[in-house]
Amino acid sequence: MPDSRRIDALVAEIGSTTTLVCAFDGLSDGAEGGPRLVGQGFAPTSVAAGDVGIGLAAARAMLEEQVGLLEPAITLATSSAAGGLRMTVHGLTQKMTAMAAREAALGAGGVVEYQTAGRLRERDLEAIDRARPGLVLLAGGVEGGDSEVVLHNARQLCGLSSRPTVVYAGNSAAAEESQAVLEAAGFRVTVTSNVYPVVDELDIVPARHAIHDAFEEHITRAPGMEHIAEFVSGGILPTPGAVLMATELLAEEIGDLVVIDVGGATTDVHSVTDGSPEYAAIATDPQPHAKRTVEGDLGTYVSASHTAALLPPAERPRLLPPAVPATDEERAAAAALARAAARTAVERHAGRLAHLYTPRGRQTVARGRDLTACRLVIGTGGALTRLPGGLATLESVRAGAAGGEALLPPADARVALDALYVFAACGALSTHFPASACVALMRASACV
């Protein structure tokens, strides 16, 4: 490439409405000047036009107009376009293996359309067919425990009208037979570690990796996304999964934290924490160290009407904003929706204290996710980083905003914005470059 500048990486983030391309250099250990963002370009996402490459090319052209022609050593991508990776998850019991399977799916960035516990029935198969999953996560049974239900469910899945990829993450005693049954029926099957190997213990990271691998294959076949592989030389991740990977890296460096991403269609909340010792002693269910929840009814565009209904009448926008707000009124409306989405999503992500009445008197237990040890809350994504009032929105999700029973970040938790909008890109970069470089970029972006 004549007269081009060599850099370490380009990373594209392909969203439902906007495609962002970021250029990075100095990512290798000991690189002069250290890791840095060279520049960014953006353009409308072109999935609807039938070729994601149109938006990618336009975003890269905008970037190179600013910084000159670039020759990256590697190109990566994250995507939440084309609906993401639609999934169904199936386990033995609702609060054990099914819950663990769901945590693995969400942590990988999947969109969970349907979940079951116990034996699959005909009406479940009908619901799975309606959900049109790209991937089915099949779990069930602790190690050495029940294997009949997961085998039954493997046989039942053969009755589906479609053939989604299956990730088997259940009792290893039934893995070989389940895989043989499904492959004989035309399914592609990946076997990974049991997501719930013993009672009160989750092991969801191997399943997350298997889902990431399946996502890359799925996204290149999704409508409008066929040409993404022509841009990418080093891999594709679901954007929410990439953000959670970045959040985990940053937490290793600076401690427990929450990262919130308000989008046009959904709001994702990522937390990395084991909670406080005080509440761990009275917790009723195991929680993963890194957790993601996705709220499909909270957003600033696709879900705008539902989100607006959560605001007090006096705060509701007169008109709902477009996908990309352009006027002051549109930006103010989108910012108001972002506040409502962020507050509600964190309240749903967080657990609560509950009071039980027993023969020994009243006992208090902690149910769900404990965020009280998270002393940092970071906002990422366009709605929080590019609209007014992002820091005020993050302040509103701390303790005191949803009642004393919610296990929210403390009232004095620090808030910060991913001002350079690089968290998803850093998750992708972490698969090829030193974690220290990715952490340095995130710390510079959020000033933490």
Protein backbone atom coordinates (compact mmCIF):
# COMPACT_ATOMS: atom_id res chain seq x y z
CA MET A 1 0.00 0.00 0.00
CA PRO A 2 1.84 3.15 -1.20
CA ASP A 3 2.35 6.07 1.16
CA SER A 4 0.56 4.25 3.95
CA ARG A 5 1.30 4.26 7.64
CA ARG A 6 1.89 0.96 9.39
CA ILE A 7 -0.06 0.48 12.60
CA ASP A 8 -0.75 -2.43 14.92
CA ALA A 9 -4.51 -2.83 14.53
CA LEU A 10 -7.83 -1.67 13.17
CA VAL A 11 -10.93 -2.65 15.14
CA ALA A 12 -14.46 -2.25 13.77
CA GLU A 13 -17.45 -2.12 16.10
CA ILE A 14 -20.52 -2.87 14.00
CA GLY A 15 -23.63 -1.77 15.86
CA SER A 16 -27.28 -1.88 14.91
CA THR A 17 -27.19 1.74 13.73
CA THR A 18 -23.54 2.87 13.57
CA THR A 19 -20.23 1.31 12.56
CA LEU A 20 -17.11 2.62 14.32
CA VAL A 21 -13.56 1.90 13.12
CA CYS A 22 -10.67 2.58 15.52
CA ALA A 23 -6.95 2.57 14.71
CA PHE A 24 -4.41 1.60 17.39
CA ASP A 25 -0.64 1.56 17.58
CA GLY A 26 2.06 0.99 20.19
CA LEU A 27 0.38 -2.18 21.47
CA SER A 28 3.47 -4.35 21.74
CA ASP A 29 5.43 -4.56 24.98
CA GLY A 30 8.01 -1.81 25.13
CA ALA A 31 6.66 0.06 22.11
CA GLU A 32 7.87 3.65 21.91
CA GLY A 33 5.19 6.05 23.14
CA GLY A 34 3.07 3.23 24.56
CA PRO A 35 -0.40 2.12 23.42
CA ARG A 36 -2.50 4.83 21.80
CA LEU A 37 -5.64 5.46 19.81
CA VAL A 38 -4.55 6.84 16.42
CA GLY A 39 -8.02 7.88 15.28
CA GLN A 40 -11.66 6.90 14.74
CA GLY A 41 -14.12 6.99 11.88
CA PHE A 42 -17.81 6.16 11.82
CA ALA A 43 -20.66 5.65 9.37
CA PRO A 44 -24.20 4.24 9.37
CA THR A 45 -24.25 0.45 9.61
CA SER A 46 -25.20 -1.05 6.26
CA VAL A 47 -26.63 -4.46 7.20
CA ALA A 48 -30.01 -3.45 5.80
CA ALA A 49 -28.37 -2.69 2.46
CA GLY A 50 -27.27 -6.31 2.26
CA ASP A 51 -23.55 -5.62 2.61
CA VAL A 52 -21.91 -4.63 5.90
CA GLY A 53 -18.82 -3.73 3.91
CA ILE A 54 -20.44 -0.49 2.72
CA GLY A 55 -20.55 0.94 6.23
CA LEU A 56 -17.14 -0.48 7.09
CA ALA A 57 -15.56 1.12 4.02
CA ALA A 58 -17.22 4.47 4.76
CA ALA A 59 -16.07 4.45 8.40
CA ARG A 60 -12.52 3.57 7.40
CA ALA A 61 -12.54 6.27 4.73
CA MET A 62 -13.55 8.84 7.35
CA LEU A 63 -10.74 7.64 9.61
CA GLU A 64 -8.12 7.82 6.86
CA GLU A 65 -9.27 11.30 5.82
CA GLN A 66 -8.15 12.38 9.29
CA VAL A 67 -4.91 10.43 9.74
CA GLY A 68 -3.87 9.27 6.26
CA LEU A 69 -3.78 5.82 4.67
CA LEU A 70 -3.25 3.01 7.16
CA GLU A 71 -1.74 -0.45 6.87
CA PRO A 72 -2.75 -2.46 9.94
CA ALA A 73 -0.93 -5.60 10.98
CA ILE A 74 -4.29 -7.08 11.97
CA THR A 75 -7.96 -6.16 11.62
CA LEU A 76 -10.53 -7.22 14.21
CA ALA A 77 -14.24 -6.68 14.66
CA THR A 78 -17.02 -6.81 17.19
CA SER A 79 -20.66 -6.87 16.20
CA SER A 80 -24.11 -6.52 17.69
CA ALA A 81 -25.72 -6.03 14.29
CA ALA A 82 -27.87 -8.62 12.52
CA GLY A 83 -29.62 -9.29 15.84
CA GLY A 84 -26.57 -10.73 17.58
CA LEU A 85 -26.27 -14.45 18.27
CA ARG A 86 -29.77 -15.67 19.12
CA MET A 87 -29.60 -18.49 21.65
CA THR A 88 -31.72 -20.86 23.69
CA VAL A 89 -30.40 -22.43 26.90
CA HIS A 90 -31.52 -25.64 28.58
CA GLY A 91 -30.61 -27.17 31.93
CA LEU A 92 -31.84 -29.58 34.57
CA THR A 93 -32.98 -27.23 37.35
CA GLN A 94 -33.97 -23.59 37.10
CA LYS A 95 -31.68 -22.28 39.85
CA MET A 96 -28.70 -24.50 39.10
CA THR A 97 -27.69 -25.74 35.66
CA ALA A 98 -30.21 -23.65 33.68
CA MET A 99 -29.08 -20.53 35.55
CA ALA A 100 -25.41 -21.40 34.94
CA ALA A 101 -26.06 -21.95 31.23
CA ARG A 102 -27.80 -18.59 30.99
CA GLU A 103 -24.88 -16.86 32.71
CA ALA A 104 -22.49 -18.42 30.20
CA ALA A 105 -24.67 -17.36 27.26
CA LEU A 106 -25.09 -13.77 28.42
CA GLY A 107 -21.46 -13.44 29.44
CA ALA A 108 -20.43 -14.45 25.92
CA GLY A 109 -22.67 -11.78 24.43
CA GLY A 110 -25.49 -14.05 23.30
CA VAL A 111 -29.13 -12.98 23.10
CA VAL A 112 -31.11 -15.55 25.10
CA GLU A 113 -34.50 -15.95 23.45
CA TYR A 114 -35.77 -18.97 25.38
CA GLN A 115 -34.75 -20.93 28.49
CA THR A 116 -35.96 -24.18 29.98
CA ALA A 117 -35.29 -26.38 32.99
CA GLY A 118 -36.05 -30.10 33.12
CA ARG A 119 -37.24 -32.31 30.27
CA LEU A 120 -37.94 -30.65 26.95
CA ARG A 121 -41.51 -31.10 25.76
CA GLU A 122 -43.15 -30.64 22.37
CA ARG A 123 -44.25 -27.12 23.22
CA ASP A 124 -40.64 -26.29 24.11
CA LEU A 125 -39.50 -27.48 20.68
CA GLU A 126 -42.14 -25.28 19.08
CA ALA A 127 -40.89 -22.31 21.12
CA ILE A 128 -37.26 -23.01 20.13
CA ASP A 129 -38.26 -23.16 16.46
CA ARG A 130 -40.06 -19.82 16.82
CA ALA A 131 -36.96 -18.30 18.46
CA ARG A 132 -34.81 -19.27 15.43
CA PRO A 133 -31.60 -19.65 17.48
CA GLY A 134 -28.19 -19.73 15.88
CA LEU A 135 -26.93 -21.69 18.88
CA VAL A 136 -28.41 -23.97 21.53
CA LEU A 137 -26.58 -24.31 24.86
CA LEU A 138 -27.36 -27.70 26.40
CA ALA A 139 -26.51 -28.27 30.06
CA GLY A 140 -27.75 -30.44 32.91
CA GLY A 141 -26.49 -32.52 35.81
CA VAL A 142 -23.55 -31.94 38.10
CA GLU A 143 -20.52 -34.19 37.62
CA GLY A 144 -21.50 -37.65 38.83
CA GLY A 145 -25.16 -36.62 39.01
CA ASP A 146 -28.18 -36.97 36.76
CA SER A 147 -27.45 -37.73 33.10
CA GLU A 148 -30.86 -38.93 31.91
CA VAL A 149 -32.47 -35.50 31.52
CA VAL A 150 -29.69 -34.03 29.39
CA LEU A 151 -29.70 -37.18 27.21
CA HIS A 152 -33.47 -36.89 26.85
CA ASN A 153 -33.09 -33.27 25.85
CA ALA A 154 -30.41 -34.11 23.28
CA ARG A 155 -32.78 -36.61 21.68
CA GLN A 156 -35.66 -34.12 21.80
CA LEU A 157 -33.62 -31.44 20.02
CA CYS A 158 -33.43 -33.78 17.02
CA GLY A 159 -37.10 -32.93 16.46
CA LEU A 160 -36.34 -29.27 15.67
CA SER A 161 -37.09 -28.08 12.15
CA SER A 162 -33.73 -26.22 12.03
CA ARG A 163 -30.18 -27.27 12.84
CA PRO A 164 -28.53 -24.62 15.04
CA THR A 165 -25.06 -25.24 16.44
CA VAL A 166 -25.20 -27.01 19.81
CA VAL A 167 -22.72 -26.35 22.62
CA TYR A 168 -22.87 -29.19 25.15
CA ALA A 169 -21.90 -27.99 28.64
CA GLY A 170 -23.53 -30.54 30.92
CA ASN A 171 -22.60 -33.65 32.88
CA SER A 172 -19.52 -35.08 31.15
CA ALA A 173 -20.84 -38.61 31.68
CA ALA A 174 -23.50 -37.94 29.04
CA ALA A 175 -21.38 -35.84 26.69
CA GLU A 176 -20.24 -38.54 24.25
CA GLU A 177 -23.68 -40.10 23.81
CA SER A 178 -25.40 -36.72 23.51
CA GLN A 179 -22.89 -35.60 20.89
CA ALA A 180 -23.39 -38.81 18.88
CA VAL A 181 -27.19 -38.47 18.96
CA LEU A 182 -27.12 -34.86 17.82
CA GLU A 183 -24.46 -35.28 15.13
CA ALA A 184 -26.35 -38.25 13.68
CA ALA A 185 -29.33 -35.90 13.30
CA GLY A 186 -27.28 -33.31 11.42
CA PHE A 187 -26.24 -30.90 14.20
CA ARG A 188 -22.78 -29.42 14.63
CA VAL A 189 -21.79 -30.04 18.25
CA THR A 190 -19.08 -28.55 20.45
CA VAL A 191 -18.45 -30.22 23.82
CA THR A 192 -17.04 -28.08 26.61
CA SER A 193 -16.74 -28.18 30.40
CA ASN A 194 -19.79 -28.57 32.62
CA VAL A 195 -21.09 -25.08 33.52
CA TYR A 196 -22.24 -26.37 36.93
CA PRO A 197 -19.80 -29.15 37.91
CA VAL A 198 -20.71 -29.27 41.62
CA VAL A 199 -23.43 -27.70 43.70
CA ASP A 200 -22.86 -23.97 44.30
CA GLU A 201 -19.96 -23.78 41.83
CA LEU A 202 -20.06 -22.20 38.37
CA ASP A 203 -17.53 -22.89 35.61
CA ILE A 204 -18.81 -20.80 32.73
CA VAL A 205 -15.64 -19.45 31.09
CA PRO A 206 -15.03 -22.49 28.80
CA ALA A 207 -18.62 -22.28 27.55
CA ARG A 208 -18.16 -18.56 26.88
CA HIS A 209 -15.14 -19.33 24.69
CA ALA A 210 -17.10 -21.98 22.78
CA ILE A 211 -19.93 -19.50 22.18
CA HIS A 212 -17.47 -16.86 20.94
CA ASP A 213 -16.15 -19.36 18.38
CA ALA A 214 -19.68 -20.20 17.24
CA PHE A 215 -20.55 -16.50 17.00
CA GLU A 216 -17.77 -15.81 14.51
CA GLU A 217 -19.06 -18.50 12.18
CA HIS A 218 -22.68 -17.43 12.65
CA ILE A 219 -22.13 -13.72 12.07
CA THR A 220 -20.42 -14.29 8.71
CA ARG A 221 -23.58 -16.07 7.52
CA ALA A 222 -26.12 -13.56 8.88
CA PRO A 223 -28.04 -11.44 6.34
CA GLY A 224 -25.98 -8.45 5.30
CA MET A 225 -22.91 -9.70 7.18
CA GLU A 226 -21.48 -12.08 4.58
CA HIS A 227 -18.69 -9.69 3.61
CA ILE A 228 -17.41 -8.96 7.11
CA ALA A 229 -14.74 -11.64 6.71
CA GLU A 230 -13.28 -9.64 3.82
CA PHE A 231 -12.44 -6.86 6.31
CA VAL A 232 -11.36 -8.96 9.28
CA SER A 233 -8.09 -10.87 9.43
CA GLY A 234 -8.01 -11.72 13.10
CA GLY A 235 -11.44 -12.61 14.44
CA ILE A 236 -14.93 -11.38 15.29
CA LEU A 237 -16.52 -11.14 18.75
CA PRO A 238 -20.01 -10.21 19.88
CA THR A 239 -19.74 -6.62 21.12
CA PRO A 240 -21.24 -7.35 24.57
CA GLY A 241 -18.83 -10.24 25.04
CA ALA A 242 -15.93 -8.00 24.09
CA VAL A 243 -17.03 -5.37 26.61
CA LEU A 244 -17.21 -7.99 29.37
CA MET A 245 -13.71 -9.21 28.47
CA ALA A 246 -12.44 -5.64 28.70
CA THR A 247 -14.24 -5.14 32.02
CA GLU A 248 -12.58 -8.24 33.44
CA LEU A 249 -9.13 -7.03 32.39
CA LEU A 250 -9.67 -3.63 33.95
CA ALA A 251 -11.02 -5.15 37.17
CA GLU A 252 -7.85 -7.23 37.55
CA GLU A 253 -5.93 -3.97 37.62
CA ILE A 254 -8.14 -1.63 39.66
CA GLY A 255 -10.70 -3.78 41.51
CA ASP A 256 -14.43 -4.47 41.43
CA LEU A 257 -16.43 -2.39 39.00
CA VAL A 258 -19.61 -2.02 36.95
CA VAL A 259 -19.71 -1.07 33.25
CA ILE A 260 -22.96 0.11 31.68
CA ASP A 261 -23.64 0.24 27.92
CA VAL A 262 -26.89 1.89 26.84
CA GLY A 263 -27.68 1.16 23.20
CA GLY A 264 -30.46 1.91 20.78
CA ALA A 265 -32.16 -1.46 21.30
CA THR A 266 -30.78 -2.89 24.57
CA THR A 267 -28.93 -1.90 27.71
CA ASP A 268 -26.15 -4.16 28.96
CA VAL A 269 -24.75 -4.14 32.49
CA HIS A 270 -21.42 -5.85 33.19
CA SER A 271 -20.04 -6.37 36.68
CA VAL A 272 -16.89 -8.03 37.98
CA THR A 273 -17.07 -8.68 41.71
CA ASP A 274 -17.42 -11.37 44.35
CA GLY A 275 -19.49 -9.01 46.49
CA SER A 276 -18.81 -7.91 50.02
CA PRO A 277 -17.97 -10.39 52.81
CA GLU A 278 -20.97 -9.10 54.76
CA TYR A 279 -23.48 -10.24 52.15
CA ALA A 280 -21.51 -13.28 50.96
CA ALA A 281 -22.21 -14.85 54.34
CA ILE A 282 -25.99 -14.63 53.76
CA ALA A 283 -26.10 -15.19 49.96
CA THR A 284 -28.61 -17.76 48.74
CA ASP A 285 -27.31 -18.52 45.23
CA PRO A 286 -23.89 -18.65 43.54
CA GLN A 287 -22.89 -15.80 41.24
CA PRO A 288 -20.14 -15.74 38.59
CA HIS A 289 -17.17 -13.46 39.20
CA ALA A 290 -17.97 -11.70 35.90
CA LYS A 291 -21.62 -11.22 35.03
CA ARG A 292 -23.57 -9.58 32.21
CA THR A 293 -27.27 -8.90 31.95
CA VAL A 294 -29.03 -7.58 28.87
CA GLU A 295 -32.32 -5.69 28.97
CA GLY A 296 -34.00 -6.02 25.58
CA ASP A 297 -36.76 -3.54 26.42
CA LEU A 298 -34.45 -0.66 27.36
CA GLY A 299 -32.83 1.57 24.75
CA THR A 300 -32.85 4.99 23.14
CA TYR A 301 -34.24 4.06 19.71
CA VAL A 302 -35.74 0.62 19.03
CA SER A 303 -37.00 0.38 22.63
CA ALA A 304 -37.55 4.12 23.08
CA SER A 305 -41.31 4.03 23.66
CA HIS A 306 -41.02 1.48 26.47
CA THR A 307 -38.09 3.32 28.05
CA ALA A 308 -39.93 6.65 27.89
CA ALA A 309 -42.82 5.13 29.86
CA LEU A 310 -40.44 4.63 32.80
CA LEU A 311 -39.86 8.37 33.13
CA PRO A 312 -42.10 10.68 35.17
CA PRO A 313 -44.56 12.47 32.84
CA ALA A 314 -42.76 15.79 33.25
CA GLU A 315 -39.46 14.24 32.08
CA ARG A 316 -40.76 12.34 29.05
CA PRO A 317 -39.52 13.64 25.70
CA ARG A 318 -42.09 15.37 23.52
CA LEU A 319 -40.82 13.40 20.53
CA LEU A 320 -38.81 10.18 20.52
CA PRO A 321 -35.31 10.65 19.06
CA PRO A 322 -34.05 9.09 15.79
CA ALA A 323 -31.30 6.46 15.73
CA VAL A 324 -28.61 9.16 15.47
CA PRO A 325 -29.78 12.37 17.26
CA ALA A 326 -28.79 15.49 15.36
CA THR A 327 -30.52 18.46 17.05
CA ASP A 328 -30.30 19.70 20.62
CA GLU A 329 -33.87 18.55 21.25
CA GLU A 330 -33.15 15.08 19.89
CA ARG A 331 -29.96 14.76 21.94
CA ALA A 332 -31.78 15.88 25.11
CA ALA A 333 -34.53 13.33 24.44
CA ALA A 334 -32.01 10.52 23.90
CA ALA A 335 -30.12 11.52 27.06
CA ALA A 336 -33.34 11.35 29.10
CA LEU A 337 -34.03 7.88 27.75
CA ALA A 338 -30.45 6.83 28.51
CA ARG A 339 -30.92 7.89 32.16
CA ALA A 340 -34.07 5.81 32.51
CA ALA A 341 -32.50 2.82 30.75
CA ALA A 342 -29.31 2.88 32.84
CA ARG A 343 -31.10 3.22 36.18
CA THR A 344 -33.59 0.47 35.42
CA ALA A 345 -30.98 -1.90 33.99
CA VAL A 346 -28.69 -1.60 37.03
CA GLU A 347 -31.63 -2.12 39.40
CA ARG A 348 -32.49 -5.32 37.52
CA HIS A 349 -28.84 -6.46 37.47
CA ALA A 350 -28.42 -5.94 41.21
CA GLY A 351 -29.71 -8.31 43.85
CA ARG A 352 -31.74 -7.39 46.90
CA LEU A 353 -32.00 -8.18 50.56
CA ALA A 354 -34.97 -10.32 51.50
CA HIS A 355 -36.44 -11.08 54.91
CA LEU A 356 -37.59 -14.59 55.78
CA TYR A 357 -39.65 -15.55 58.79
CA THR A 358 -38.59 -18.85 60.32
CA PRO A 359 -39.24 -20.66 63.61
CA ARG A 360 -36.07 -18.92 64.84
CA GLY A 361 -37.40 -15.48 63.93
CA ARG A 362 -36.72 -13.12 61.04
CA GLN A 363 -33.65 -13.85 58.93
CA THR A 364 -32.17 -11.62 56.25
CA VAL A 365 -30.72 -13.16 53.10
CA ALA A 366 -29.05 -11.69 50.02
CA ARG A 367 -30.52 -12.78 46.71
CA GLY A 368 -28.86 -12.14 43.37
CA ARG A 369 -25.93 -9.95 42.42
CA ASP A 370 -24.16 -8.01 45.17
CA LEU A 371 -22.67 -4.77 43.77
CA THR A 372 -21.86 -3.17 47.11
CA ALA A 373 -18.11 -3.80 46.71
CA CYS A 374 -18.03 -2.04 43.32
CA ARG A 375 -16.52 1.37 43.96
CA LEU A 376 -16.28 2.35 40.28
CA VAL A 377 -19.07 2.68 37.71
CA ILE A 378 -18.11 3.31 34.07
CA GLY A 379 -20.35 4.20 31.15
CA THR A 380 -19.51 3.12 27.61
CA GLY A 381 -21.32 3.17 24.27
CA GLY A 382 -22.60 6.12 22.29
CA ALA A 383 -25.59 7.05 24.45
CA LEU A 384 -23.54 7.62 27.58
CA THR A 385 -20.27 8.86 26.07
CA ARG A 386 -21.60 11.08 23.27
CA LEU A 387 -24.77 12.57 24.74
CA PRO A 388 -24.99 15.21 27.50
CA GLY A 389 -25.36 14.19 31.14
CA GLY A 390 -23.50 10.86 31.06
CA LEU A 391 -21.82 11.30 34.44
CA ALA A 392 -25.07 12.41 36.08
CA THR A 393 -26.74 9.31 34.69
CA LEU A 394 -24.07 7.09 36.24
CA GLU A 395 -24.40 8.89 39.59
CA SER A 396 -28.11 8.06 39.59
CA VAL A 397 -27.50 4.28 39.58
CA ARG A 398 -25.70 4.25 42.92
CA ALA A 399 -27.21 3.31 46.27
CA GLY A 400 -30.04 5.55 47.36
CA ALA A 401 -31.70 5.65 43.96
CA ALA A 402 -33.68 2.42 44.29
CA GLY A 403 -34.35 1.91 47.98
CA GLY A 404 -32.25 0.53 50.80
CA GLU A 405 -32.87 -3.15 49.99
CA ALA A 406 -31.11 -3.10 46.59
CA LEU A 407 -27.48 -4.29 46.54
CA LEU A 408 -26.28 -1.38 44.41
CA PRO A 409 -22.85 0.25 44.13
CA PRO A 410 -22.27 2.45 47.20
CA ALA A 411 -23.34 6.07 47.22
CA ASP A 412 -19.72 7.25 47.13
CA ALA A 413 -18.66 4.99 44.22
CA ARG A 414 -16.67 6.89 41.61
CA VAL A 415 -18.25 7.36 38.17
CA ALA A 416 -16.38 7.73 34.86
CA LEU A 417 -17.00 7.63 31.12
CA ASP A 418 -15.21 5.66 28.44
CA ALA A 419 -14.56 9.02 26.82
CA LEU A 420 -12.57 7.64 23.88
CA TYR A 421 -15.19 4.91 23.30
CA VAL A 422 -12.65 2.07 23.19
CA PHE A 423 -13.84 -0.56 25.68
CA ALA A 424 -15.32 -2.97 23.11
CA ALA A 425 -12.27 -2.52 20.90
CA CYS A 426 -10.00 -3.28 23.86
CA GLY A 427 -11.84 -6.54 24.46
CA ALA A 428 -11.10 -7.54 20.88
CA LEU A 429 -7.49 -6.35 21.10
CA SER A 430 -6.93 -8.47 24.21
CA THR A 431 -7.16 -11.62 22.09
CA HIS A 432 -3.98 -10.66 20.19
CA PHE A 433 -2.05 -8.07 22.21
CA PRO A 434 -0.74 -7.80 25.80
CA ALA A 435 -3.39 -7.20 28.42
CA SER A 436 -1.27 -4.36 29.81
CA ALA A 437 -1.70 -2.38 26.58
CA CYS A 438 -5.48 -2.84 26.61
CA VAL A 439 -5.71 -1.83 30.26
CA ALA A 440 -3.60 1.26 29.61
CA LEU A 441 -5.95 2.34 26.82
CA MET A 442 -9.01 1.87 29.02
CA ARG A 443 -7.46 3.68 31.96
CA ALA A 444 -6.58 6.62 29.73
CA SER A 445 -10.08 6.68 28.25
CA ALA A 446 -11.86 6.63 31.61
CA CYS A 447 -9.18 8.55 33.55
CA VAL A 448 -8.97 5.82 36.21
